[in-house]
Amino acid sequence: MIAEPKEKVSVKVQKTQDYSLVLYNDDVNSFDHVINSLMAICNLELTESEQCAWIVHTNGRCSVSHGVYNELEPKCIALLDRGLSAKIE
């Protein structure tokens, strides 16, 4: 005989979607411009910015920041305003 539960419990799970801000290679902007933009907008250190610039150059894309959409959107717009190719995925 299986006992029935005496009370029902409902569990609410709050899901936050984690997005990535992806920078794409455009063959137009200089390494210095990309590096300086990443430092200023994404708050990356010099070494991180240089590594991201090389990854973009060799692989065509690099995730430069992660988080919720509302936090990444201003960063993406700022990168686009500087002439870089970026997208939130």
C-alpha atoms as a PDB file:
ATOM      1  CA  MET A   1       0.000   0.000   0.000  1.00  0.00           C
ATOM      2  CA  ILE A   2       1.373   3.430  -1.033  1.00  0.00           C
ATOM      3  CA  ALA A   3       0.751   6.294   1.340  1.00  0.00           C
ATOM      4  CA  GLU A   4      -0.571   9.528  -0.104  1.00  0.00           C
ATOM      5  CA  PRO A   5       1.278  12.694   0.854  1.00  0.00           C
ATOM      6  CA  LYS A   6      -0.513  14.728   3.508  1.00  0.00           C
ATOM      7  CA  GLU A   7       0.208  18.106   1.953  1.00  0.00           C
ATOM      8  CA  LYS A   8       1.175  19.279  -1.493  1.00  0.00           C
ATOM      9  CA  VAL A   9       4.301  21.327  -1.855  1.00  0.00           C
ATOM     10  CA  SER A  10       4.895  23.496  -4.863  1.00  0.00           C
ATOM     11  CA  VAL A  11       8.406  24.509  -5.706  1.00  0.00           C
ATOM     12  CA  LYS A  12       9.097  27.622  -7.741  1.00  0.00           C
ATOM     13  CA  VAL A  13      12.351  27.642  -9.651  1.00  0.00           C
ATOM     14  CA  GLN A  14      13.596  30.977 -10.839  1.00  0.00           C
ATOM     15  CA  LYS A  15      15.727  30.636 -13.935  1.00  0.00           C
ATOM     16  CA  THR A  16      18.078  33.363 -15.033  1.00  0.00           C
ATOM     17  CA  GLN A  17      19.300  33.025 -18.562  1.00  0.00           C
ATOM     18  CA  ASP A  18      23.048  33.425 -18.953  1.00  0.00           C
ATOM     19  CA  TYR A  19      23.984  35.211 -22.153  1.00  0.00           C
ATOM     20  CA  SER A  20      27.328  35.854 -23.814  1.00  0.00           C
ATOM     21  CA  LEU A  21      28.544  39.040 -25.418  1.00  0.00           C
ATOM     22  CA  VAL A  22      30.389  37.864 -28.511  1.00  0.00           C
ATOM     23  CA  LEU A  23      32.876  39.977 -30.431  1.00  0.00           C
ATOM     24  CA  TYR A  24      33.385  39.151 -34.114  1.00  0.00           C
ATOM     25  CA  ASN A  25      36.331  39.719 -36.429  1.00  0.00           C
ATOM     26  CA  ASP A  26      35.758  42.478 -38.933  1.00  0.00           C
ATOM     27  CA  ASP A  27      39.197  42.908 -40.591  1.00  0.00           C
ATOM     28  CA  VAL A  28      38.754  46.676 -40.220  1.00  0.00           C
ATOM     29  CA  ASN A  29      39.608  47.717 -36.672  1.00  0.00           C
ATOM     30  CA  SER A  30      43.150  47.714 -35.310  1.00  0.00           C
ATOM     31  CA  PHE A  31      44.258  45.495 -32.451  1.00  0.00           C
ATOM     32  CA  ASP A  32      44.844  48.597 -30.324  1.00  0.00           C
ATOM     33  CA  HIS A  33      41.300  49.841 -30.919  1.00  0.00           C
ATOM     34  CA  VAL A  34      39.799  46.445 -30.034  1.00  0.00           C
ATOM     35  CA  ILE A  35      41.990  46.089 -26.934  1.00  0.00           C
ATOM     36  CA  ASN A  36      41.250  49.616 -25.692  1.00  0.00           C
ATOM     37  CA  SER A  37      37.524  49.141 -26.311  1.00  0.00           C
ATOM     38  CA  LEU A  38      37.425  45.867 -24.379  1.00  0.00           C
ATOM     39  CA  MET A  39      39.271  47.450 -21.468  1.00  0.00           C
ATOM     40  CA  ALA A  40      36.988  50.497 -21.386  1.00  0.00           C
ATOM     41  CA  ILE A  41      33.637  48.823 -21.987  1.00  0.00           C
ATOM     42  CA  CYS A  42      33.966  45.281 -20.642  1.00  0.00           C
ATOM     43  CA  ASN A  43      36.361  46.178 -17.816  1.00  0.00           C
ATOM     44  CA  LEU A  44      38.879  43.578 -18.964  1.00  0.00           C
ATOM     45  CA  GLU A  45      42.523  43.776 -17.947  1.00  0.00           C
ATOM     46  CA  LEU A  46      45.129  44.480 -20.625  1.00  0.00           C
ATOM     47  CA  THR A  47      46.210  40.830 -20.856  1.00  0.00           C
ATOM     48  CA  GLU A  48      42.610  39.594 -21.133  1.00  0.00           C
ATOM     49  CA  SER A  49      41.840  42.183 -23.807  1.00  0.00           C
ATOM     50  CA  GLU A  50      44.924  41.192 -25.807  1.00  0.00           C
ATOM     51  CA  GLN A  51      43.994  37.509 -25.577  1.00  0.00           C
ATOM     52  CA  CYS A  52      40.430  38.230 -26.721  1.00  0.00           C
ATOM     53  CA  ALA A  53      41.711  40.295 -29.653  1.00  0.00           C
ATOM     54  CA  TRP A  54      43.946  37.403 -30.776  1.00  0.00           C
ATOM     55  CA  ILE A  55      41.134  34.868 -30.381  1.00  0.00           C
ATOM     56  CA  VAL A  56      38.836  37.059 -32.478  1.00  0.00           C
ATOM     57  CA  HIS A  57      41.584  37.432 -35.082  1.00  0.00           C
ATOM     58  CA  THR A  58      42.305  33.695 -35.322  1.00  0.00           C
ATOM     59  CA  ASN A  59      38.859  32.149 -34.667  1.00  0.00           C
ATOM     60  CA  GLY A  60      36.605  34.876 -36.005  1.00  0.00           C
ATOM     61  CA  ARG A  61      34.803  35.355 -32.683  1.00  0.00           C
ATOM     62  CA  CYS A  62      35.291  35.441 -28.930  1.00  0.00           C
ATOM     63  CA  SER A  63      32.975  35.649 -25.953  1.00  0.00           C
ATOM     64  CA  VAL A  64      34.107  38.728 -24.035  1.00  0.00           C
ATOM     65  CA  SER A  65      31.509  38.894 -21.254  1.00  0.00           C
ATOM     66  CA  HIS A  66      28.756  36.779 -19.675  1.00  0.00           C
ATOM     67  CA  GLY A  67      25.662  37.696 -17.715  1.00  0.00           C
ATOM     68  CA  VAL A  68      22.019  38.602 -17.925  1.00  0.00           C
ATOM     69  CA  TYR A  69      20.769  40.300 -21.073  1.00  0.00           C
ATOM     70  CA  ASN A  70      20.036  43.666 -19.433  1.00  0.00           C
ATOM     71  CA  GLU A  71      23.627  43.951 -18.219  1.00  0.00           C
ATOM     72  CA  LEU A  72      25.167  42.975 -21.554  1.00  0.00           C
ATOM     73  CA  GLU A  73      23.000  45.154 -23.787  1.00  0.00           C
ATOM     74  CA  PRO A  74      24.683  48.506 -22.915  1.00  0.00           C
ATOM     75  CA  LYS A  75      28.108  46.918 -23.411  1.00  0.00           C
ATOM     76  CA  CYS A  76      27.066  45.545 -26.795  1.00  0.00           C
ATOM     77  CA  ILE A  77      25.708  48.925 -27.886  1.00  0.00           C
ATOM     78  CA  ALA A  78      28.911  50.633 -26.751  1.00  0.00           C
ATOM     79  CA  LEU A  79      31.061  48.180 -28.743  1.00  0.00           C
ATOM     80  CA  LEU A  80      28.856  48.710 -31.797  1.00  0.00           C
ATOM     81  CA  ASP A  81      29.140  52.495 -31.353  1.00  0.00           C
ATOM     82  CA  ARG A  82      32.923  52.090 -31.533  1.00  0.00           C
ATOM     83  CA  GLY A  83      32.585  50.336 -34.891  1.00  0.00           C
ATOM     84  CA  LEU A  84      33.127  46.797 -33.604  1.00  0.00           C
ATOM     85  CA  SER A  85      30.996  43.807 -34.538  1.00  0.00           C
ATOM     86  CA  ALA A  86      29.290  42.364 -31.461  1.00  0.00           C
ATOM     87  CA  LYS A  87      26.173  40.389 -30.618  1.00  0.00           C
ATOM     88  CA  ILE A  88      24.462  38.978 -27.544  1.00  0.00           C
ATOM     89  CA  GLU A  89      23.868  35.246 -27.793  1.00  0.00           C
END
